[in-house]
Amino acid sequence: MKTIKVRGTNNKHKVLMYALSTCGWCKKAKAFLRNSDVGYEYIDVDLCSVEERAKIREDILKRGGRLSFPTLIIDDETLITGSNERRIREALDL
């Protein structure tokens, strides 16, 4: 599974985003993190193999999420679905 790392000076939290390469909301969430100088990793799910997509689907569902993008997982505990800047800001102490 190809994880892309984006560097930032704010690395207080581990941030993983499941995104779609063509999704406007995903691009908005990526821009928010980048503009907030948050280091994060992301996976463009639509560019993954069928097997990798199944693993991602399983990961999201076992965490109680729904299959919607973007999905952010913060510190392996907090799951945020959608580009909700207020919730992301709160979870990242921004």
PDB file of N, CA and C in Angstrom:
ATOM      1  N   MET A   1       0.852  -1.163   0.000  1.00  0.00           N
ATOM      2  CA  MET A   1       0.000   0.000   0.000  1.00  0.00           C
ATOM      3  C   MET A   1       0.903   1.232   0.000  1.00  0.00           C
ATOM      4  N   LYS A   2       0.681   2.130  -0.922  1.00  0.00           N
ATOM      5  CA  LYS A   2       1.543   3.305  -1.050  1.00  0.00           C
ATOM      6  C   LYS A   2       1.032   4.433  -0.164  1.00  0.00           C
ATOM      7  N   THR A   3       1.789   4.704   0.895  1.00  0.00           N
ATOM      8  CA  THR A   3       1.487   5.812   1.791  1.00  0.00           C
ATOM      9  C   THR A   3       2.379   6.983   1.403  1.00  0.00           C
ATOM     10  N   ILE A   4       1.779   8.137   1.242  1.00  0.00           N
ATOM     11  CA  ILE A   4       2.530   9.334   0.875  1.00  0.00           C
ATOM     12  C   ILE A   4       2.676  10.195   2.121  1.00  0.00           C
ATOM     13  N   LYS A   5       3.928  10.568   2.423  1.00  0.00           N
ATOM     14  CA  LYS A   5       4.206  11.378   3.606  1.00  0.00           C
ATOM     15  C   LYS A   5       4.331  12.840   3.213  1.00  0.00           C
ATOM     16  N   VAL A   6       3.656  13.677   3.978  1.00  0.00           N
ATOM     17  CA  VAL A   6       3.732  15.120   3.784  1.00  0.00           C
ATOM     18  C   VAL A   6       4.378  15.695   5.042  1.00  0.00           C
ATOM     19  N   ARG A   7       5.470  16.383   4.851  1.00  0.00           N
ATOM     20  CA  ARG A   7       6.190  16.945   5.992  1.00  0.00           C
ATOM     21  C   ARG A   7       5.517  18.204   6.503  1.00  0.00           C
ATOM     22  N   GLY A   8       5.636  18.381   7.810  1.00  0.00           N
ATOM     23  CA  GLY A   8       5.151  19.591   8.461  1.00  0.00           C
ATOM     24  C   GLY A   8       5.897  19.762   9.765  1.00  0.00           C
ATOM     25  N   THR A   9       5.898  20.964  10.303  1.00  0.00           N
ATOM     26  CA  THR A   9       6.597  21.187  11.567  1.00  0.00           C
ATOM     27  C   THR A   9       5.753  20.776  12.769  1.00  0.00           C
ATOM     28  N   ASN A  10       4.454  20.654  12.582  1.00  0.00           N
ATOM     29  CA  ASN A  10       3.564  20.228  13.662  1.00  0.00           C
ATOM     30  C   ASN A  10       3.396  18.711  13.558  1.00  0.00           C
ATOM     31  N   ASN A  11       4.149  17.995  14.395  1.00  0.00           N
ATOM     32  CA  ASN A  11       4.103  16.530  14.386  1.00  0.00           C
ATOM     33  C   ASN A  11       3.691  15.972  15.739  1.00  0.00           C
ATOM     34  N   LYS A  12       2.871  16.737  16.479  1.00  0.00           N
ATOM     35  CA  LYS A  12       2.429  16.288  17.799  1.00  0.00           C
ATOM     36  C   LYS A  12       1.553  15.048  17.707  1.00  0.00           C
ATOM     37  N   HIS A  13       0.894  14.873  16.571  1.00  0.00           N
ATOM     38  CA  HIS A  13      -0.041  13.766  16.409  1.00  0.00           C
ATOM     39  C   HIS A  13       0.298  12.971  15.160  1.00  0.00           C
ATOM     40  N   LYS A  14      -0.022  11.685  15.213  1.00  0.00           N
ATOM     41  CA  LYS A  14       0.113  10.828  14.034  1.00  0.00           C
ATOM     42  C   LYS A  14      -1.193  10.951  13.250  1.00  0.00           C
ATOM     43  N   VAL A  15      -1.083  11.355  11.993  1.00  0.00           N
ATOM     44  CA  VAL A  15      -2.277  11.584  11.180  1.00  0.00           C
ATOM     45  C   VAL A  15      -2.190  10.739   9.909  1.00  0.00           C
ATOM     46  N   LEU A  16      -3.204   9.924   9.695  1.00  0.00           N
ATOM     47  CA  LEU A  16      -3.336   9.140   8.470  1.00  0.00           C
ATOM     48  C   LEU A  16      -4.659   9.507   7.825  1.00  0.00           C
ATOM     49  N   MET A  17      -4.619   9.807   6.531  1.00  0.00           N
ATOM     50  CA  MET A  17      -5.836  10.140   5.810  1.00  0.00           C
ATOM     51  C   MET A  17      -6.050   9.136   4.684  1.00  0.00           C
ATOM     52  N   TYR A  18      -7.239   8.568   4.647  1.00  0.00           N
ATOM     53  CA  TYR A  18      -7.675   7.788   3.494  1.00  0.00           C
ATOM     54  C   TYR A  18      -8.430   8.760   2.604  1.00  0.00           C
ATOM     55  N   ALA A  19      -7.997   8.879   1.353  1.00  0.00           N
ATOM     56  CA  ALA A  19      -8.568   9.870   0.453  1.00  0.00           C
ATOM     57  C   ALA A  19      -8.814   9.257  -0.917  1.00  0.00           C
ATOM     58  N   LEU A  20      -9.451  10.030  -1.767  1.00  0.00           N
ATOM     59  CA  LEU A  20      -9.602   9.683  -3.179  1.00  0.00           C
ATOM     60  C   LEU A  20      -8.872  10.758  -3.974  1.00  0.00           C
ATOM     61  N   SER A  21      -8.150  10.355  -4.999  1.00  0.00           N
ATOM     62  CA  SER A  21      -7.313  11.296  -5.739  1.00  0.00           C
ATOM     63  C   SER A  21      -8.120  12.384  -6.460  1.00  0.00           C
ATOM     64  N   THR A  22      -9.388  12.127  -6.726  1.00  0.00           N
ATOM     65  CA  THR A  22     -10.211  13.076  -7.473  1.00  0.00           C
ATOM     66  C   THR A  22     -11.246  13.805  -6.614  1.00  0.00           C
ATOM     67  N   CYS A  23     -11.208  13.576  -5.320  1.00  0.00           N
ATOM     68  CA  CYS A  23     -12.232  14.107  -4.402  1.00  0.00           C
ATOM     69  C   CYS A  23     -11.908  15.539  -3.973  1.00  0.00           C
ATOM     70  N   GLY A  24     -12.824  16.446  -4.214  1.00  0.00           N
ATOM     71  CA  GLY A  24     -12.644  17.835  -3.817  1.00  0.00           C
ATOM     72  C   GLY A  24     -12.539  18.016  -2.313  1.00  0.00           C
ATOM     73  N   TRP A  25     -13.340  17.263  -1.545  1.00  0.00           N
ATOM     74  CA  TRP A  25     -13.297  17.355  -0.087  1.00  0.00           C
ATOM     75  C   TRP A  25     -11.968  16.832   0.444  1.00  0.00           C
ATOM     76  N   CYS A  26     -11.442  15.808  -0.209  1.00  0.00           N
ATOM     77  CA  CYS A  26     -10.134  15.265   0.185  1.00  0.00           C
ATOM     78  C   CYS A  26      -9.046  16.293  -0.075  1.00  0.00           C
ATOM     79  N   LYS A  27      -9.121  16.959  -1.211  1.00  0.00           N
ATOM     80  CA  LYS A  27      -8.141  17.997  -1.536  1.00  0.00           C
ATOM     81  C   LYS A  27      -8.236  19.147  -0.533  1.00  0.00           C
ATOM     82  N   LYS A  28      -9.440  19.475  -0.114  1.00  0.00           N
ATOM     83  CA  LYS A  28      -9.638  20.541   0.869  1.00  0.00           C
ATOM     84  C   LYS A  28      -9.012  20.152   2.207  1.00  0.00           C
ATOM     85  N   ALA A  29      -9.202  18.902   2.636  1.00  0.00           N
ATOM     86  CA  ALA A  29      -8.629  18.440   3.904  1.00  0.00           C
ATOM     87  C   ALA A  29      -7.102  18.414   3.830  1.00  0.00           C
ATOM     88  N   LYS A  30      -6.558  17.973   2.704  1.00  0.00           N
ATOM     89  CA  LYS A  30      -5.100  17.959   2.524  1.00  0.00           C
ATOM     90  C   LYS A  30      -4.556  19.390   2.584  1.00  0.00           C
ATOM     91  N   ALA A  31      -5.233  20.315   1.934  1.00  0.00           N
ATOM     92  CA  ALA A  31      -4.797  21.715   1.936  1.00  0.00           C
ATOM     93  C   ALA A  31      -4.855  22.295   3.345  1.00  0.00           C
ATOM     94  N   PHE A  32      -5.898  21.962   4.094  1.00  0.00           N
ATOM     95  CA  PHE A  32      -6.014  22.446   5.471  1.00  0.00           C
ATOM     96  C   PHE A  32      -4.840  21.959   6.305  1.00  0.00           C
ATOM     97  N   LEU A  33      -4.507  20.672   6.203  1.00  0.00           N
ATOM     98  CA  LEU A  33      -3.382  20.138   6.969  1.00  0.00           C
ATOM     99  C   LEU A  33      -2.066  20.782   6.537  1.00  0.00           C
ATOM    100  N   ARG A  34      -1.890  20.908   5.246  1.00  0.00           N
ATOM    101  CA  ARG A  34      -0.663  21.514   4.707  1.00  0.00           C
ATOM    102  C   ARG A  34      -0.540  22.977   5.168  1.00  0.00           C
ATOM    103  N   ASN A  35      -1.630  23.737   5.072  1.00  0.00           N
ATOM    104  CA  ASN A  35      -1.618  25.146   5.481  1.00  0.00           C
ATOM    105  C   ASN A  35      -1.441  25.316   6.987  1.00  0.00           C
ATOM    106  N   SER A  36      -1.813  24.282   7.745  1.00  0.00           N
ATOM    107  CA  SER A  36      -1.623  24.290   9.200  1.00  0.00           C
ATOM    108  C   SER A  36      -0.256  23.732   9.581  1.00  0.00           C
ATOM    109  N   ASP A  37       0.533  23.367   8.573  1.00  0.00           N
ATOM    110  CA  ASP A  37       1.886  22.826   8.735  1.00  0.00           C
ATOM    111  C   ASP A  37       1.906  21.547   9.564  1.00  0.00           C
ATOM    112  N   VAL A  38       0.863  20.727   9.376  1.00  0.00           N
ATOM    113  CA  VAL A  38       0.753  19.451  10.070  1.00  0.00           C
ATOM    114  C   VAL A  38       1.392  18.364   9.201  1.00  0.00           C
ATOM    115  N   GLY A  39       2.302  17.593   9.786  1.00  0.00           N
ATOM    116  CA  GLY A  39       2.850  16.443   9.094  1.00  0.00           C
ATOM    117  C   GLY A  39       1.806  15.333   9.094  1.00  0.00           C
ATOM    118  N   TYR A  40       1.618  14.700   7.953  1.00  0.00           N
ATOM    119  CA  TYR A  40       0.615  13.635   7.877  1.00  0.00           C
ATOM    120  C   TYR A  40       0.967  12.672   6.760  1.00  0.00           C
ATOM    121  N   GLU A  41       0.273  11.550   6.741  1.00  0.00           N
ATOM    122  CA  GLU A  41       0.399  10.569   5.679  1.00  0.00           C
ATOM    123  C   GLU A  41      -0.971  10.361   5.066  1.00  0.00           C
ATOM    124  N   TYR A  42      -0.980  10.050   3.776  1.00  0.00           N
ATOM    125  CA  TYR A  42      -2.261   9.754   3.154  1.00  0.00           C
ATOM    126  C   TYR A  42      -2.118   8.632   2.138  1.00  0.00           C
ATOM    127  N   ILE A  43      -3.245   8.005   1.877  1.00  0.00           N
ATOM    128  CA  ILE A  43      -3.350   6.957   0.874  1.00  0.00           C
ATOM    129  C   ILE A  43      -4.514   7.316  -0.029  1.00  0.00           C
ATOM    130  N   ASP A  44      -4.256   7.410  -1.326  1.00  0.00           N
ATOM    131  CA  ASP A  44      -5.333   7.598  -2.291  1.00  0.00           C
ATOM    132  C   ASP A  44      -5.918   6.219  -2.590  1.00  0.00           C
ATOM    133  N   VAL A  45      -7.045   5.951  -1.973  1.00  0.00           N
ATOM    134  CA  VAL A  45      -7.653   4.622  -2.006  1.00  0.00           C
ATOM    135  C   VAL A  45      -7.995   4.190  -3.427  1.00  0.00           C
ATOM    136  N   ASP A  46      -8.432   5.126  -4.259  1.00  0.00           N
ATOM    137  CA  ASP A  46      -8.823   4.760  -5.623  1.00  0.00           C
ATOM    138  C   ASP A  46      -7.629   4.337  -6.476  1.00  0.00           C
ATOM    139  N   LEU A  47      -6.417   4.601  -6.015  1.00  0.00           N
ATOM    140  CA  LEU A  47      -5.222   4.190  -6.752  1.00  0.00           C
ATOM    141  C   LEU A  47      -4.627   2.893  -6.206  1.00  0.00           C
ATOM    142  N   CYS A  48      -5.290   2.307  -5.216  1.00  0.00           N
ATOM    143  CA  CYS A  48      -4.831   1.056  -4.598  1.00  0.00           C
ATOM    144  C   CYS A  48      -5.392  -0.155  -5.343  1.00  0.00           C
ATOM    145  N   SER A  49      -4.775  -1.298  -5.093  1.00  0.00           N
ATOM    146  CA  SER A  49      -5.273  -2.547  -5.665  1.00  0.00           C
ATOM    147  C   SER A  49      -6.572  -2.952  -4.963  1.00  0.00           C
ATOM    148  N   VAL A  50      -7.273  -3.897  -5.534  1.00  0.00           N
ATOM    149  CA  VAL A  50      -8.523  -4.389  -4.950  1.00  0.00           C
ATOM    150  C   VAL A  50      -8.268  -4.934  -3.546  1.00  0.00           C
ATOM    151  N   GLU A  51      -7.177  -5.668  -3.374  1.00  0.00           N
ATOM    152  CA  GLU A  51      -6.842  -6.243  -2.072  1.00  0.00           C
ATOM    153  C   GLU A  51      -6.563  -5.145  -1.041  1.00  0.00           C
ATOM    154  N   GLU A  52      -5.823  -4.121  -1.460  1.00  0.00           N
ATOM    155  CA  GLU A  52      -5.513  -3.016  -0.551  1.00  0.00           C
ATOM    156  C   GLU A  52      -6.775  -2.254  -0.175  1.00  0.00           C
ATOM    157  N   ARG A  53      -7.661  -2.048  -1.131  1.00  0.00           N
ATOM    158  CA  ARG A  53      -8.925  -1.361  -0.832  1.00  0.00           C
ATOM    159  C   ARG A  53      -9.745  -2.145   0.177  1.00  0.00           C
ATOM    160  N   ALA A  54      -9.713  -3.476   0.072  1.00  0.00           N
ATOM    161  CA  ALA A  54     -10.446  -4.311   1.030  1.00  0.00           C
ATOM    162  C   ALA A  54      -9.872  -4.146   2.439  1.00  0.00           C
ATOM    163  N   LYS A  55      -8.547  -4.065   2.562  1.00  0.00           N
ATOM    164  CA  LYS A  55      -7.917  -3.867   3.872  1.00  0.00           C
ATOM    165  C   LYS A  55      -8.263  -2.501   4.445  1.00  0.00           C
ATOM    166  N   ILE A  56      -8.281  -1.488   3.598  1.00  0.00           N
ATOM    167  CA  ILE A  56      -8.628  -0.132   4.048  1.00  0.00           C
ATOM    168  C   ILE A  56     -10.079  -0.097   4.506  1.00  0.00           C
ATOM    169  N   ARG A  57     -10.953  -0.720   3.715  1.00  0.00           N
ATOM    170  CA  ARG A  57     -12.376  -0.787   4.071  1.00  0.00           C
ATOM    171  C   ARG A  57     -12.545  -1.445   5.438  1.00  0.00           C
ATOM    172  N   GLU A  58     -11.855  -2.555   5.640  1.00  0.00           N
ATOM    173  CA  GLU A  58     -11.920  -3.280   6.909  1.00  0.00           C
ATOM    174  C   GLU A  58     -11.411  -2.400   8.056  1.00  0.00           C
ATOM    175  N   ASP A  59     -10.316  -1.678   7.832  1.00  0.00           N
ATOM    176  CA  ASP A  59      -9.747  -0.813   8.866  1.00  0.00           C
ATOM    177  C   ASP A  59     -10.736   0.272   9.263  1.00  0.00           C
ATOM    178  N   ILE A  60     -11.335   0.924   8.285  1.00  0.00           N
ATOM    179  CA  ILE A  60     -12.296   1.997   8.586  1.00  0.00           C
ATOM    180  C   ILE A  60     -13.497   1.447   9.347  1.00  0.00           C
ATOM    181  N   LEU A  61     -14.052   0.347   8.884  1.00  0.00           N
ATOM    182  CA  LEU A  61     -15.246  -0.215   9.513  1.00  0.00           C
ATOM    183  C   LEU A  61     -14.974  -0.735  10.925  1.00  0.00           C
ATOM    184  N   LYS A  62     -13.810  -1.348  11.151  1.00  0.00           N
ATOM    185  CA  LYS A  62     -13.518  -1.868  12.494  1.00  0.00           C
ATOM    186  C   LYS A  62     -13.328  -0.740  13.505  1.00  0.00           C
ATOM    187  N   ARG A  63     -12.990   0.450  13.006  1.00  0.00           N
ATOM    188  CA  ARG A  63     -12.843   1.618  13.884  1.00  0.00           C
ATOM    189  C   ARG A  63     -14.171   2.340  14.093  1.00  0.00           C
ATOM    190  N   GLY A  64     -15.237   1.813  13.493  1.00  0.00           N
ATOM    191  CA  GLY A  64     -16.558   2.411  13.659  1.00  0.00           C
ATOM    192  C   GLY A  64     -16.871   3.509  12.663  1.00  0.00           C
ATOM    193  N   GLY A  65     -16.054   3.618  11.633  1.00  0.00           N
ATOM    194  CA  GLY A  65     -16.274   4.638  10.618  1.00  0.00           C
ATOM    195  C   GLY A  65     -17.215   4.165   9.533  1.00  0.00           C
ATOM    196  N   ARG A  66     -17.470   5.068   8.599  1.00  0.00           N
ATOM    197  CA  ARG A  66     -18.273   4.700   7.444  1.00  0.00           C
ATOM    198  C   ARG A  66     -17.415   4.933   6.205  1.00  0.00           C
ATOM    199  N   LEU A  67     -17.783   4.324   5.131  1.00  0.00           N
ATOM    200  CA  LEU A  67     -16.983   4.389   3.912  1.00  0.00           C
ATOM    201  C   LEU A  67     -17.271   5.678   3.158  1.00  0.00           C
ATOM    202  N   SER A  68     -16.642   6.730   3.610  1.00  0.00           N
ATOM    203  CA  SER A  68     -16.773   8.043   3.024  1.00  0.00           C
ATOM    204  C   SER A  68     -15.409   8.703   3.108  1.00  0.00           C
ATOM    205  N   PHE A  69     -15.150   9.607   2.184  1.00  0.00           N
ATOM    206  CA  PHE A  69     -13.810  10.187   2.125  1.00  0.00           C
ATOM    207  C   PHE A  69     -13.887  11.702   2.122  1.00  0.00           C
ATOM    208  N   PRO A  70     -12.911  12.335   2.755  1.00  0.00           N
ATOM    209  CA  PRO A  70     -11.737  11.769   3.399  1.00  0.00           C
ATOM    210  C   PRO A  70     -12.089  11.160   4.757  1.00  0.00           C
ATOM    211  N   THR A  71     -11.288  10.208   5.175  1.00  0.00           N
ATOM    212  CA  THR A  71     -11.353   9.649   6.518  1.00  0.00           C
ATOM    213  C   THR A  71      -9.990   9.861   7.147  1.00  0.00           C
ATOM    214  N   LEU A  72      -9.963  10.556   8.270  1.00  0.00           N
ATOM    215  CA  LEU A  72      -8.713  10.812   8.989  1.00  0.00           C
ATOM    216  C   LEU A  72      -8.682   9.972  10.252  1.00  0.00           C
ATOM    217  N   ILE A  73      -7.527   9.387  10.515  1.00  0.00           N
ATOM    218  CA  ILE A  73      -7.315   8.643  11.745  1.00  0.00           C
ATOM    219  C   ILE A  73      -6.167   9.340  12.467  1.00  0.00           C
ATOM    220  N   ILE A  74      -6.470   9.838  13.649  1.00  0.00           N
ATOM    221  CA  ILE A  74      -5.504  10.621  14.409  1.00  0.00           C
ATOM    222  C   ILE A  74      -5.085   9.829  15.638  1.00  0.00           C
ATOM    223  N   ASP A  75      -3.776   9.626  15.761  1.00  0.00           N
ATOM    224  CA  ASP A  75      -3.179   8.889  16.881  1.00  0.00           C
ATOM    225  C   ASP A  75      -3.768   7.487  17.032  1.00  0.00           C
ATOM    226  N   ASP A  76      -4.160   6.874  15.937  1.00  0.00           N
ATOM    227  CA  ASP A  76      -4.743   5.527  15.924  1.00  0.00           C
ATOM    228  C   ASP A  76      -5.986   5.406  16.792  1.00  0.00           C
ATOM    229  N   GLU A  77      -6.586   6.546  17.188  1.00  0.00           N
ATOM    230  CA  GLU A  77      -7.746   6.517  18.074  1.00  0.00           C
ATOM    231  C   GLU A  77      -8.941   7.278  17.528  1.00  0.00           C
ATOM    232  N   THR A  78      -8.721   8.497  17.102  1.00  0.00           N
ATOM    233  CA  THR A  78      -9.807   9.373  16.679  1.00  0.00           C
ATOM    234  C   THR A  78     -10.034   9.235  15.180  1.00  0.00           C
ATOM    235  N   LEU A  79     -11.265   8.956  14.801  1.00  0.00           N
ATOM    236  CA  LEU A  79     -11.631   8.841  13.393  1.00  0.00           C
ATOM    237  C   LEU A  79     -12.558   9.998  13.040  1.00  0.00           C
ATOM    238  N   ILE A  80     -12.190  10.717  11.990  1.00  0.00           N
ATOM    239  CA  ILE A  80     -13.008  11.833  11.512  1.00  0.00           C
ATOM    240  C   ILE A  80     -13.319  11.581  10.045  1.00  0.00           C
ATOM    241  N   THR A  81     -14.592  11.586   9.717  1.00  0.00           N
ATOM    242  CA  THR A  81     -15.009  11.407   8.333  1.00  0.00           C
ATOM    243  C   THR A  81     -15.437  12.764   7.795  1.00  0.00           C
ATOM    244  N   GLY A  82     -14.915  13.104   6.637  1.00  0.00           N
ATOM    245  CA  GLY A  82     -15.263  14.360   6.005  1.00  0.00           C
ATOM    246  C   GLY A  82     -14.225  15.430   6.280  1.00  0.00           C
ATOM    247  N   SER A  83     -14.386  16.541   5.615  1.00  0.00           N
ATOM    248  CA  SER A  83     -13.440  17.648   5.729  1.00  0.00           C
ATOM    249  C   SER A  83     -13.963  18.656   6.749  1.00  0.00           C
ATOM    250  N   ASN A  84     -14.147  18.178   7.980  1.00  0.00           N
ATOM    251  CA  ASN A  84     -14.692  19.011   9.052  1.00  0.00           C
ATOM    252  C   ASN A  84     -13.532  19.706   9.767  1.00  0.00           C
ATOM    253  N   GLU A  85     -13.210  20.916   9.326  1.00  0.00           N
ATOM    254  CA  GLU A  85     -12.039  21.616   9.853  1.00  0.00           C
ATOM    255  C   GLU A  85     -12.124  21.841  11.352  1.00  0.00           C
ATOM    256  N   ARG A  86     -13.308  22.116  11.873  1.00  0.00           N
ATOM    257  CA  ARG A  86     -13.456  22.328  13.316  1.00  0.00           C
ATOM    258  C   ARG A  86     -13.061  21.078  14.090  1.00  0.00           C
ATOM    259  N   ARG A  87     -13.564  19.922  13.677  1.00  0.00           N
ATOM    260  CA  ARG A  87     -13.232  18.669  14.370  1.00  0.00           C
ATOM    261  C   ARG A  87     -11.764  18.311  14.210  1.00  0.00           C
ATOM    262  N   ILE A  88     -11.215  18.542  13.023  1.00  0.00           N
ATOM    263  CA  ILE A  88      -9.798  18.258  12.787  1.00  0.00           C
ATOM    264  C   ILE A  88      -8.945  19.176  13.661  1.00  0.00           C
ATOM    265  N   ARG A  89      -9.307  20.446  13.695  1.00  0.00           N
ATOM    266  CA  ARG A  89      -8.575  21.427  14.507  1.00  0.00           C
ATOM    267  C   ARG A  89      -8.588  21.011  15.978  1.00  0.00           C
ATOM    268  N   GLU A  90      -9.745  20.595  16.493  1.00  0.00           N
ATOM    269  CA  GLU A  90      -9.867  20.167  17.889  1.00  0.00           C
ATOM    270  C   GLU A  90      -9.007  18.928  18.148  1.00  0.00           C
ATOM    271  N   ALA A  91      -9.083  17.948  17.270  1.00  0.00           N
ATOM    272  CA  ALA A  91      -8.343  16.698  17.465  1.00  0.00           C
ATOM    273  C   ALA A  91      -6.826  16.910  17.422  1.00  0.00           C
ATOM    274  N   LEU A  92      -6.396  17.920  16.648  1.00  0.00           N
ATOM    275  CA  LEU A  92      -4.960  18.186  16.503  1.00  0.00           C
ATOM    276  C   LEU A  92      -4.458  19.301  17.414  1.00  0.00           C
ATOM    277  N   ASP A  93      -5.329  19.809  18.287  1.00  0.00           N
ATOM    278  CA  ASP A  93      -4.955  20.890  19.198  1.00  0.00           C
ATOM    279  C   ASP A  93      -4.421  22.112  18.450  1.00  0.00           C
ATOM    280  N   LEU A  94      -5.091  22.482  17.371  1.00  0.00           N
ATOM    281  CA  LEU A  94      -4.646  23.639  16.583  1.00  0.00           C
ATOM    282  C   LEU A  94      -5.342  24.911  17.046  1.00  0.00           C
TER     283      LEU A  94
END
